[in-house]
């Protein structure tokens, strides 16, 4: 099968609403996809090293099997909903099942065209359910079913945007089969070096934005010509490539003291529709080079419905139903300039307004926006190495899966970032705070000699548990579920 088609299908799954809050499963799917051509030699130990780089001593093949089963169920749910018309089906074969000639199935992941024979163990139930109906169906009904299926493929697949790519100064949009649909040229090119350094994936979204059965394309554009003078632009295209609207982030603020209002949207997500609300767009945009950050809620027509301002960039956001009430919350991470610490902010999409309070550095207070409506605001402690070498630590990756919130905090500027990994339950009770191996190595190198020379201690690592809660808690620090180590006699 064409690798490009498989890549497109994986990308569609990773950016689907079904997987939006499943960070751990997205990571596992990426690992399996990356090893697709060499999966015969992929061992559980290799998966553990990539999936749990900081827990290699405590994880086993049983943990891998558990995650594989969870991913298998998530894929099946995806293909029953969003992916029901996708032409390529991604499955996880049962590696314990007997294969042909008595051999065990060795593949971790398979891709087949819809309707083709599925790999061993991947769709036995589906086959058993379909077979009687296929045998007993009347020829006329079968013909109508085939016609209906072909029509749905024509409407939902062949003519609908599915993926995109940047080619020179052109945005090219293709359908689910990888066939070109339309393209747009931009005379000022694309800022590949910074804004699209991680590829197009984080800067584009496909979905039925207006609930009318047509796929819209949301594209974040940032030019390559004098980028320091430009803001990013969010452009919405119809399924046929017609531009529907444009939206520019930010606004002129007195706090910018005459600096141009150049804002770049760093994160974008789309809220699921509810019984009372259609889909809405969430964007987090940072001023360059200063501190203001705007989280804005837009309707399907590009109109700003509400906005929250934060003194410090929030470059990462995810959407998830944290409290189980059927409504998603906005979870954003980044930097609090007012406290010079990594931060995590949770907002209710129905009450996005105000500006973060900055009592410790009033000169960074954003005025005129009203009282902040934050559900939760956390600050993460800085290591001694970070305090000695940096201005602040930085909140980075956030993933939410199965009621667990996992966040990485970057403590140094080295490649990889010297991460501290935090895990919370759905009530934001702290479950773990673990220093990654690279942090330990960087700390050892930084304090190898000199008057401050010392080894990274258990007491220092315990300090990471002091996650301060500025808004949303009854105590100064979040409640911790971490049990202290047992003392030795």
Protein backbone atom coordinates (compact mmCIF):
# COMPACT_ATOMS: atom_id res chain seq x y z
CA UNK A 1 0.00 0.00 0.00
CA UNK A 2 1.13 3.54 -0.72
CA UNK A 3 3.10 4.82 2.34
CA UNK A 4 1.77 8.34 1.77
CA UNK A 5 -1.80 7.09 2.12
CA UNK A 6 -0.94 5.29 5.35
CA UNK A 7 0.82 8.40 6.67
CA UNK A 8 -2.24 10.47 5.85
CA UNK A 9 -4.55 8.03 7.63
CA UNK A 10 -2.37 7.99 10.76
CA UNK A 11 -2.27 11.78 10.74
CA UNK A 12 -6.07 11.92 10.44
CA UNK A 13 -6.48 9.65 13.45
CA UNK A 14 -3.92 11.58 15.54
CA UNK A 15 -5.74 14.86 14.87
CA UNK A 16 -9.27 13.49 15.24
CA UNK A 17 -11.66 14.54 17.98
CA UNK A 18 -11.75 10.91 19.16
CA UNK A 19 -8.05 11.08 20.04
CA UNK A 20 -7.92 14.76 21.10
CA UNK A 21 -7.65 13.95 24.82
CA UNK A 22 -5.78 10.64 24.48
CA UNK A 23 -2.19 11.84 24.65
CA UNK A 24 -0.71 8.52 25.76
CA UNK A 25 -2.52 6.56 23.05
CA UNK A 26 -1.51 9.09 20.38
CA UNK A 27 2.09 8.64 21.46
CA UNK A 28 1.80 4.84 21.27
CA UNK A 29 0.23 5.04 17.81
CA UNK A 30 3.07 7.28 16.65
CA UNK A 31 5.62 4.79 18.00
CA UNK A 32 3.99 1.86 16.20
CA UNK A 33 3.65 3.86 12.99
CA UNK A 34 7.31 4.93 13.13
CA UNK A 35 8.35 1.28 13.44
CA UNK A 36 5.90 -0.01 10.84
CA UNK A 37 8.62 -1.06 8.39
CA UNK A 38 10.74 -2.72 11.06
CA UNK A 39 8.09 -4.05 13.41
CA UNK A 40 9.27 -7.63 13.11
CA UNK A 41 12.24 -6.63 15.27
CA UNK A 42 10.31 -4.31 17.61
CA UNK A 43 10.31 -5.66 21.14
CA UNK A 44 8.21 -4.62 24.17
CA UNK A 45 11.37 -3.20 25.71
CA UNK A 46 11.70 -0.82 22.79
CA UNK A 47 8.11 0.35 23.19
CA UNK A 48 8.69 0.89 26.92
CA UNK A 49 11.77 3.03 26.28
CA UNK A 50 9.80 5.34 23.98
CA UNK A 51 6.44 5.33 25.76
CA UNK A 52 7.73 5.59 29.34
CA UNK A 53 11.30 6.94 29.07
CA UNK A 54 11.39 7.75 32.79
CA UNK A 55 9.82 4.51 34.03
CA UNK A 56 11.80 1.83 32.19
CA UNK A 57 12.62 0.04 35.45
CA UNK A 58 9.02 -0.25 36.60
CA UNK A 59 7.23 -1.07 33.34
CA UNK A 60 6.91 -4.53 31.80
CA UNK A 61 5.53 -6.22 28.70
CA UNK A 62 2.22 -6.58 30.58
CA UNK A 63 1.95 -2.78 30.73
CA UNK A 64 2.62 -2.62 26.99
CA UNK A 65 -0.11 -5.21 26.36
CA UNK A 66 -2.56 -3.16 28.44
CA UNK A 67 -1.85 -0.01 26.43
CA UNK A 68 -2.08 -1.92 23.15
CA UNK A 69 -5.54 -3.18 24.15
CA UNK A 70 -6.61 0.36 25.06
CA UNK A 71 -5.37 1.66 21.71
CA UNK A 72 -7.11 -1.19 19.89
CA UNK A 73 -10.43 -0.27 21.52
CA UNK A 74 -9.89 3.43 20.79
CA UNK A 75 -9.25 2.66 17.11
CA UNK A 76 -12.38 0.53 16.92
CA UNK A 77 -14.40 3.36 18.45
CA UNK A 78 -12.86 5.84 15.99
CA UNK A 79 -13.86 3.70 12.99
CA UNK A 80 -17.40 3.41 14.34
CA UNK A 81 -17.73 7.21 14.37
CA UNK A 82 -15.42 9.75 12.71
CA UNK A 83 -13.57 7.20 10.63
CA UNK A 84 -16.53 5.20 9.35
CA UNK A 85 -15.86 6.29 5.74
CA UNK A 86 -12.05 6.34 5.86
CA UNK A 87 -10.61 4.27 3.00
CA UNK A 88 -7.77 2.84 5.09
CA UNK A 89 -8.32 0.86 8.29
CA UNK A 90 -5.54 0.81 10.89
CA UNK A 91 -5.68 -2.23 13.17
CA UNK A 92 -3.57 -3.83 15.87
CA UNK A 93 -3.36 -7.59 15.21
CA UNK A 94 -3.60 -10.01 18.10
CA UNK A 95 0.05 -10.99 18.46
CA UNK A 96 -0.87 -13.87 20.75
CA UNK A 97 -3.25 -15.48 18.27
CA UNK A 98 -2.12 -18.33 16.07
CA UNK A 99 -1.39 -17.24 12.54
CA UNK A 100 -1.04 -19.16 9.32
CA UNK A 101 0.89 -22.41 9.52
CA UNK A 102 0.63 -22.29 13.32
CA UNK A 103 2.92 -19.30 13.68
CA UNK A 104 2.08 -16.40 15.96
CA UNK A 105 1.19 -13.04 14.44
CA UNK A 106 4.30 -10.85 14.80
CA UNK A 107 2.99 -7.57 13.48
CA UNK A 108 2.15 -4.78 15.91
CA UNK A 109 0.17 -2.66 13.46
CA UNK A 110 -1.46 -3.19 10.07
CA UNK A 111 -3.06 -1.01 7.41
CA UNK A 112 -5.61 -2.38 4.95
CA UNK A 113 -7.99 -0.88 2.45
CA UNK A 114 -11.57 -0.80 3.68
CA UNK A 115 -13.40 -3.93 2.64
CA UNK A 116 -10.20 -5.95 2.19
CA UNK A 117 -9.37 -9.01 4.31
CA UNK A 118 -8.42 -7.82 7.80
CA UNK A 119 -5.38 -9.20 9.64
CA UNK A 120 -5.70 -12.12 12.01
CA UNK A 121 -7.64 -11.26 15.15
CA UNK A 122 -8.48 -7.69 14.18
CA UNK A 123 -12.08 -7.95 13.01
CA UNK A 124 -13.40 -11.45 13.69
CA UNK A 125 -16.46 -10.14 15.52
CA UNK A 126 -17.21 -7.67 12.75
CA UNK A 127 -16.98 -10.47 10.16
CA UNK A 128 -19.25 -12.80 12.12
CA UNK A 129 -21.86 -10.08 12.39
CA UNK A 130 -21.75 -9.18 8.70
CA UNK A 131 -21.77 -12.67 7.21
CA UNK A 132 -25.42 -13.68 7.86
CA UNK A 133 -26.74 -10.39 6.56
CA UNK A 134 -24.64 -10.68 3.42
CA UNK A 135 -25.88 -14.18 2.73
CA UNK A 136 -29.56 -13.42 3.32
CA UNK A 137 -29.67 -9.96 1.74
CA UNK A 138 -31.71 -9.71 -1.39
CA UNK A 139 -29.90 -8.79 -4.58
CA UNK A 140 -31.87 -5.56 -4.96
CA UNK A 141 -31.11 -4.43 -1.41
CA UNK A 142 -27.45 -5.29 -1.88
CA UNK A 143 -27.32 -3.26 -5.07
CA UNK A 144 -28.87 -0.27 -3.30
CA UNK A 145 -26.42 -0.66 -0.45
CA UNK A 146 -23.49 -0.67 -2.86
CA UNK A 147 -24.86 2.40 -4.60
CA UNK A 148 -25.35 4.19 -1.27
CA UNK A 149 -21.84 3.28 -0.15
CA UNK A 150 -20.35 4.50 -3.42
CA UNK A 151 -22.30 7.74 -3.12
CA UNK A 152 -21.15 8.30 0.45
CA UNK A 153 -17.55 7.68 -0.60
CA UNK A 154 -17.95 10.19 -3.39
CA UNK A 155 -19.39 12.83 -1.08
CA UNK A 156 -17.57 12.13 2.17
CA UNK A 157 -14.25 10.90 0.86
CA UNK A 158 -13.41 11.73 -2.76
CA UNK A 159 -14.50 15.38 -2.69
CA UNK A 160 -13.79 16.21 0.95
CA UNK A 161 -10.49 17.64 2.28
CA UNK A 162 -8.57 15.13 4.31
CA UNK A 163 -4.94 16.25 4.60
CA UNK A 164 -2.62 19.02 3.46
CA UNK A 165 1.01 19.70 2.74
CA UNK A 166 3.22 22.71 2.09
CA UNK A 167 5.01 22.72 -1.24
CA UNK A 168 7.28 25.74 -1.66
CA UNK A 169 4.88 28.67 -1.28
CA UNK A 170 1.72 26.60 -1.91
CA UNK A 171 -0.74 24.91 0.45
CA UNK A 172 -1.99 21.73 -1.25
CA UNK A 173 -5.12 19.94 -0.01
CA UNK A 174 -5.85 16.29 -0.85
CA UNK A 175 -8.70 13.87 -0.25
CA UNK A 176 -8.63 10.66 1.77
CA UNK A 177 -7.00 8.80 -1.11
CA UNK A 178 -4.25 11.37 -1.46
CA UNK A 179 -5.64 12.87 -4.67
CA UNK A 180 -5.29 16.66 -5.08
CA UNK A 181 -8.45 18.69 -4.50
CA UNK A 182 -7.26 22.29 -4.55
CA UNK A 183 -4.31 24.50 -3.62
CA UNK A 184 -3.56 28.06 -2.50
CA UNK A 185 -0.42 30.05 -3.24
CA UNK A 186 1.05 32.61 -0.85
CA UNK A 187 3.36 35.22 -2.35
CA UNK A 188 5.20 35.78 0.94
CA UNK A 189 5.91 32.08 1.39
CA UNK A 190 5.90 30.12 4.66
CA UNK A 191 8.12 30.51 7.70
CA UNK A 192 9.44 26.96 7.64
CA UNK A 193 12.32 27.68 10.03
CA UNK A 194 10.22 28.50 13.08
CA UNK A 195 6.44 28.53 12.67
CA UNK A 196 6.25 25.31 10.64
CA UNK A 197 9.33 23.69 12.19
CA UNK A 198 7.15 20.84 13.53
CA UNK A 199 5.40 20.40 10.22
CA UNK A 200 1.94 21.40 9.07
CA UNK A 201 0.03 19.15 11.51
CA UNK A 202 -0.26 21.62 14.44
CA UNK A 203 -1.22 24.44 12.06
CA UNK A 204 -4.18 22.87 10.23
CA UNK A 205 -7.54 21.31 11.16
CA UNK A 206 -10.16 19.42 9.13
CA UNK A 207 -13.78 18.92 10.20
CA UNK A 208 -17.45 19.69 9.76
CA UNK A 209 -17.23 23.06 11.50
CA UNK A 210 -20.78 24.21 10.78
CA UNK A 211 -22.52 20.84 11.16
CA UNK A 212 -23.75 20.78 7.56
CA UNK A 213 -21.95 17.68 6.31
CA UNK A 214 -19.08 19.54 4.63
CA UNK A 215 -15.45 19.52 5.71
CA UNK A 216 -13.97 22.93 6.45
CA UNK A 217 -10.22 23.58 6.60
CA UNK A 218 -8.72 25.83 9.28
CA UNK A 219 -5.19 26.92 8.33
CA UNK A 220 -2.79 29.01 10.40
CA UNK A 221 -0.71 31.10 8.02
CA UNK A 222 2.56 32.85 8.88
CA UNK A 223 4.72 34.44 6.17
CA UNK A 224 8.43 34.14 5.56
CA UNK A 225 8.91 37.78 4.49
CA UNK A 226 9.77 40.02 7.48
CA UNK A 227 8.09 37.68 9.97
CA UNK A 228 8.90 40.01 12.86
CA UNK A 229 6.46 42.53 11.35
CA UNK A 230 3.53 40.14 10.92
CA UNK A 231 0.88 38.42 12.98
CA UNK A 232 -0.30 34.95 12.05
CA UNK A 233 -3.62 34.64 10.25
CA UNK A 234 -6.29 31.98 10.77
CA UNK A 235 -7.96 31.24 7.43
CA UNK A 236 -11.09 29.14 6.99
CA UNK A 237 -11.68 27.41 3.63
CA UNK A 238 -14.74 25.54 2.43
CA UNK A 239 -14.45 21.97 1.16
CA UNK A 240 -14.16 23.35 -2.38
CA UNK A 241 -11.33 25.71 -1.45
CA UNK A 242 -13.34 28.93 -1.22
CA UNK A 243 -12.01 31.29 1.43
CA UNK A 244 -14.80 31.85 3.97
CA UNK A 245 -13.14 34.18 6.48
CA UNK A 246 -9.88 35.34 8.08
CA UNK A 247 -9.10 36.12 11.71
CA UNK A 248 -6.08 37.92 13.17
CA UNK A 249 -5.14 37.39 16.85
CA UNK A 250 -4.40 39.96 19.53
CA UNK A 251 -5.06 43.65 19.76
CA UNK A 252 -3.22 46.87 20.56
CA UNK A 253 -2.63 47.08 24.32
CA UNK A 254 -1.34 50.01 26.41
CA UNK A 255 1.00 47.55 28.13
CA UNK A 256 2.89 47.06 24.83
CA UNK A 257 4.13 50.67 25.09
CA UNK A 258 3.98 51.33 21.39
CA UNK A 259 5.31 47.95 20.22
CA UNK A 260 3.43 46.58 17.18
CA UNK A 261 0.57 44.24 18.03
CA UNK A 262 2.27 41.24 16.42
CA UNK A 263 0.69 38.05 17.74
CA UNK A 264 1.24 34.47 16.62
CA UNK A 265 -1.29 31.74 17.23
CA UNK A 266 0.67 28.87 18.77
CA UNK A 267 -2.12 26.43 19.57
CA UNK A 268 -5.54 25.69 18.08
CA UNK A 269 -8.34 23.26 18.95
CA UNK A 270 -12.05 22.89 18.26
CA UNK A 271 -14.62 22.34 21.01
CA UNK A 272 -17.14 19.58 20.43
CA UNK A 273 -20.73 20.63 19.79
CA UNK A 274 -23.16 20.25 22.69
CA UNK A 275 -26.95 20.21 22.91
CA UNK A 276 -26.94 23.99 23.32
CA UNK A 277 -23.73 25.05 21.57
CA UNK A 278 -22.29 24.46 18.08
CA UNK A 279 -18.61 23.82 17.60
CA UNK A 280 -16.30 26.66 18.60
CA UNK A 281 -12.64 27.33 17.90
CA UNK A 282 -10.07 27.89 20.67
CA UNK A 283 -6.80 29.65 19.85
CA UNK A 284 -3.88 30.69 22.06
CA UNK A 285 -1.77 33.49 20.59
CA UNK A 286 1.42 35.04 21.98
CA UNK A 287 2.82 38.51 21.48
CA UNK A 288 6.31 38.66 20.01
CA UNK A 289 8.52 39.51 21.82
CA UNK A 290 6.65 40.52 24.98
CA UNK A 291 4.55 38.73 27.59
CA UNK A 292 0.81 39.06 26.73
CA UNK A 293 -1.03 35.93 25.61
CA UNK A 294 -4.61 35.82 24.33
CA UNK A 295 -6.85 32.76 24.52
CA UNK A 296 -9.83 33.51 22.28
CA UNK A 297 -13.04 31.60 21.55
CA UNK A 298 -14.33 32.00 17.98
CA UNK A 299 -17.56 30.87 16.40
CA UNK A 300 -17.71 28.91 13.14
CA UNK A 301 -17.75 32.18 11.18
CA UNK A 302 -14.57 33.59 12.70
CA UNK A 303 -16.23 36.00 15.13
CA UNK A 304 -14.52 36.47 18.51
CA UNK A 305 -16.99 35.42 21.21
CA UNK A 306 -14.80 35.87 24.29
CA UNK A 307 -11.16 36.19 25.32
CA UNK A 308 -8.87 35.65 28.32
CA UNK A 309 -5.49 37.37 28.70
CA UNK A 310 -2.49 35.94 30.50
CA UNK A 311 0.81 37.56 31.47
CA UNK A 312 3.05 34.91 29.96
CA UNK A 313 2.93 32.76 26.86
CA UNK A 314 0.63 29.72 26.80
CA UNK A 315 1.98 27.73 23.86
CA UNK A 316 0.21 24.43 24.54
CA UNK A 317 -3.49 23.72 24.95
CA UNK A 318 -5.71 20.64 24.96
CA UNK A 319 -9.45 20.14 25.40
CA UNK A 320 -10.86 17.49 27.72
CA UNK A 321 -13.88 16.76 29.90
CA UNK A 322 -12.06 16.83 33.24
CA UNK A 323 -15.06 16.66 35.57
CA UNK A 324 -17.14 14.16 33.59
CA UNK A 325 -20.07 16.52 33.04
CA UNK A 326 -20.05 16.04 29.26
CA UNK A 327 -18.47 19.44 28.58
CA UNK A 328 -14.86 20.06 27.67
CA UNK A 329 -12.51 22.36 29.55
CA UNK A 330 -9.52 24.26 28.14
CA UNK A 331 -6.16 23.23 29.62
CA UNK A 332 -3.22 25.47 28.69
CA UNK A 333 0.42 25.45 29.78
CA UNK A 334 3.41 27.71 29.40
CA UNK A 335 5.03 30.48 31.44
CA UNK A 336 3.81 32.88 34.10
CA UNK A 337 5.95 35.97 33.67
CA UNK A 338 4.50 37.47 36.83
CA UNK A 339 5.85 34.62 38.95
CA UNK A 340 8.72 33.56 36.63
CA UNK A 341 7.49 29.97 36.77
CA UNK A 342 6.01 27.30 34.56
CA UNK A 343 2.23 27.38 34.72
CA UNK A 344 -0.94 25.45 33.89
CA UNK A 345 -4.30 27.21 33.50
CA UNK A 346 -7.75 25.60 33.22
CA UNK A 347 -10.64 27.60 31.75
CA UNK A 348 -14.36 26.95 31.38
CA UNK A 349 -15.21 27.66 27.70
CA UNK A 350 -18.48 29.25 28.84
CA UNK A 351 -16.64 31.79 31.01
CA UNK A 352 -13.51 32.87 29.15
CA UNK A 353 -12.80 36.44 30.21
CA UNK A 354 -10.55 38.75 32.23
CA UNK A 355 -6.79 38.86 32.66
CA UNK A 356 -4.56 36.92 35.03
CA UNK A 357 -3.88 38.70 38.33
CA UNK A 358 -0.20 39.61 38.82
CA UNK A 359 0.21 40.93 42.40
CA UNK A 360 3.90 39.98 42.60
CA UNK A 361 4.82 42.00 39.48
CA UNK A 362 2.15 44.67 39.00
CA UNK A 363 4.06 46.12 36.06
CA UNK A 364 3.00 43.02 34.08
CA UNK A 365 -0.69 43.36 34.89
CA UNK A 366 -2.91 43.55 31.78
CA UNK A 367 -5.60 46.15 32.45
CA UNK A 368 -9.09 46.77 31.18
CA UNK A 369 -10.09 43.13 30.76
CA UNK A 370 -11.93 42.58 34.03
CA UNK A 371 -11.52 39.90 36.68
CA UNK A 372 -10.03 36.60 35.47
CA UNK A 373 -12.39 33.63 35.20
CA UNK A 374 -9.90 30.81 35.78
CA UNK A 375 -11.02 27.43 37.09
CA UNK A 376 -7.47 26.54 38.08
CA UNK A 377 -4.04 28.18 37.94
CA UNK A 378 -0.93 26.28 38.99
CA UNK A 379 2.73 27.28 39.32
CA UNK A 380 5.52 24.71 39.14
CA UNK A 381 8.66 24.94 41.31
CA UNK A 382 12.03 25.74 39.75
CA UNK A 383 15.09 23.59 40.31
CA UNK A 384 18.27 25.16 41.70
CA UNK A 385 19.89 24.64 38.28
CA UNK A 386 17.06 26.49 36.56
CA UNK A 387 17.26 29.37 39.04
CA UNK A 388 21.01 29.65 38.47
CA UNK A 389 20.97 29.51 34.66
CA UNK A 390 17.51 30.63 33.44
CA UNK A 391 14.87 33.28 33.97
CA UNK A 392 12.06 30.75 34.40
CA UNK A 393 11.11 27.15 33.73
CA UNK A 394 8.55 26.39 31.02
CA UNK A 395 5.37 24.30 30.99
CA UNK A 396 5.34 22.19 27.85
CA UNK A 397 3.55 19.05 26.74
CA UNK A 398 0.17 18.30 28.34
CA UNK A 399 -1.68 15.05 27.69
CA UNK A 400 -4.96 13.89 29.21
CA UNK A 401 -6.00 10.28 29.03
CA UNK A 402 -8.15 8.00 31.13
CA UNK A 403 -8.63 10.61 33.86
CA UNK A 404 -4.92 11.32 34.17
CA UNK A 405 -3.26 14.64 33.35
CA UNK A 406 0.42 14.45 32.45
CA UNK A 407 2.60 17.53 31.99
CA UNK A 408 6.26 18.17 31.24
CA UNK A 409 8.16 21.14 32.66
CA UNK A 410 11.36 22.21 30.98
CA UNK A 411 14.20 23.13 33.34
CA UNK A 412 17.05 23.93 30.94
CA UNK A 413 17.73 25.07 27.37
CA UNK A 414 19.55 21.92 26.29
CA UNK A 415 18.15 19.70 23.57
CA UNK A 416 15.41 17.65 25.20
CA UNK A 417 14.80 20.29 27.84
CA UNK A 418 15.81 18.52 31.10
CA UNK A 419 12.20 17.64 31.84
CA UNK A 420 10.35 17.12 35.09
CA UNK A 421 7.25 14.97 34.52
CA UNK A 422 4.13 15.63 36.58
CA UNK A 423 1.02 13.48 36.75
CA UNK A 424 -2.32 14.46 38.30
CA UNK A 425 -5.68 12.76 38.69
CA UNK A 426 -8.85 14.36 37.33
CA UNK A 427 -9.14 16.50 40.49
CA UNK A 428 -5.56 17.72 40.07
CA UNK A 429 -4.25 15.81 43.03
CA UNK A 430 -0.55 15.24 42.42
CA UNK A 431 0.26 11.59 41.70
CA UNK A 432 3.93 11.87 40.74
CA UNK A 433 6.73 14.36 40.09
CA UNK A 434 9.70 12.65 38.49
CA UNK A 435 12.97 14.08 37.19
CA UNK A 436 13.90 12.64 33.79
CA UNK A 437 17.31 11.04 33.31
CA UNK A 438 18.48 13.93 31.15
CA UNK A 439 17.69 16.38 33.95
CA UNK A 440 19.75 14.30 36.36
CA UNK A 441 22.65 14.17 33.91
CA UNK A 442 22.49 17.92 33.25
CA UNK A 443 22.29 18.64 36.97
CA UNK A 444 25.34 16.46 37.64
CA UNK A 445 27.32 18.24 34.91
CA UNK A 446 26.23 21.71 36.10
CA UNK A 447 27.23 21.08 39.74
CA UNK A 448 30.26 18.86 39.12
CA UNK A 449 32.73 21.40 40.52
CA UNK A 450 32.89 24.78 42.21
CA UNK A 451 31.65 26.03 45.54
CA UNK A 452 28.08 24.90 44.79
CA UNK A 453 29.08 21.38 43.75
CA UNK A 454 26.59 18.78 44.97
CA UNK A 455 24.68 15.72 43.85
CA UNK A 456 20.98 15.85 43.03
CA UNK A 457 19.28 14.58 46.17
CA UNK A 458 15.98 12.97 47.08
CA UNK A 459 15.17 16.09 49.10
CA UNK A 460 15.61 18.24 45.98
CA UNK A 461 13.36 15.95 43.98
CA UNK A 462 10.75 16.12 46.74
CA UNK A 463 10.67 19.91 46.25
CA UNK A 464 9.06 19.32 42.86
CA UNK A 465 5.96 18.15 44.70
CA UNK A 466 5.31 21.71 45.89
CA UNK A 467 3.05 22.76 43.03
CA UNK A 468 1.53 26.06 44.05
CA UNK A 469 -2.17 26.66 43.43
CA UNK A 470 -2.94 30.35 42.82
CA UNK A 471 -6.59 29.81 41.84
CA UNK A 472 -8.97 26.89 42.30
CA UNK A 473 -7.69 25.13 45.42
CA UNK A 474 -8.48 25.30 49.12
CA UNK A 475 -4.80 25.18 50.03
CA UNK A 476 -1.66 26.97 48.88
CA UNK A 477 -0.27 23.81 47.27
CA UNK A 478 -2.11 21.10 45.37
CA UNK A 479 -2.98 18.01 47.35
CA UNK A 480 -0.42 15.27 46.89
CA UNK A 481 -1.12 11.54 46.72
CA UNK A 482 2.58 10.69 46.65
CA UNK A 483 3.55 8.39 49.47
CA UNK A 484 6.85 9.17 51.18
CA UNK A 485 9.51 6.48 50.80
CA UNK A 486 9.63 3.90 53.54
CA UNK A 487 12.42 4.52 56.01
CA UNK A 488 14.98 1.75 56.41
CA UNK A 489 15.69 0.39 59.90
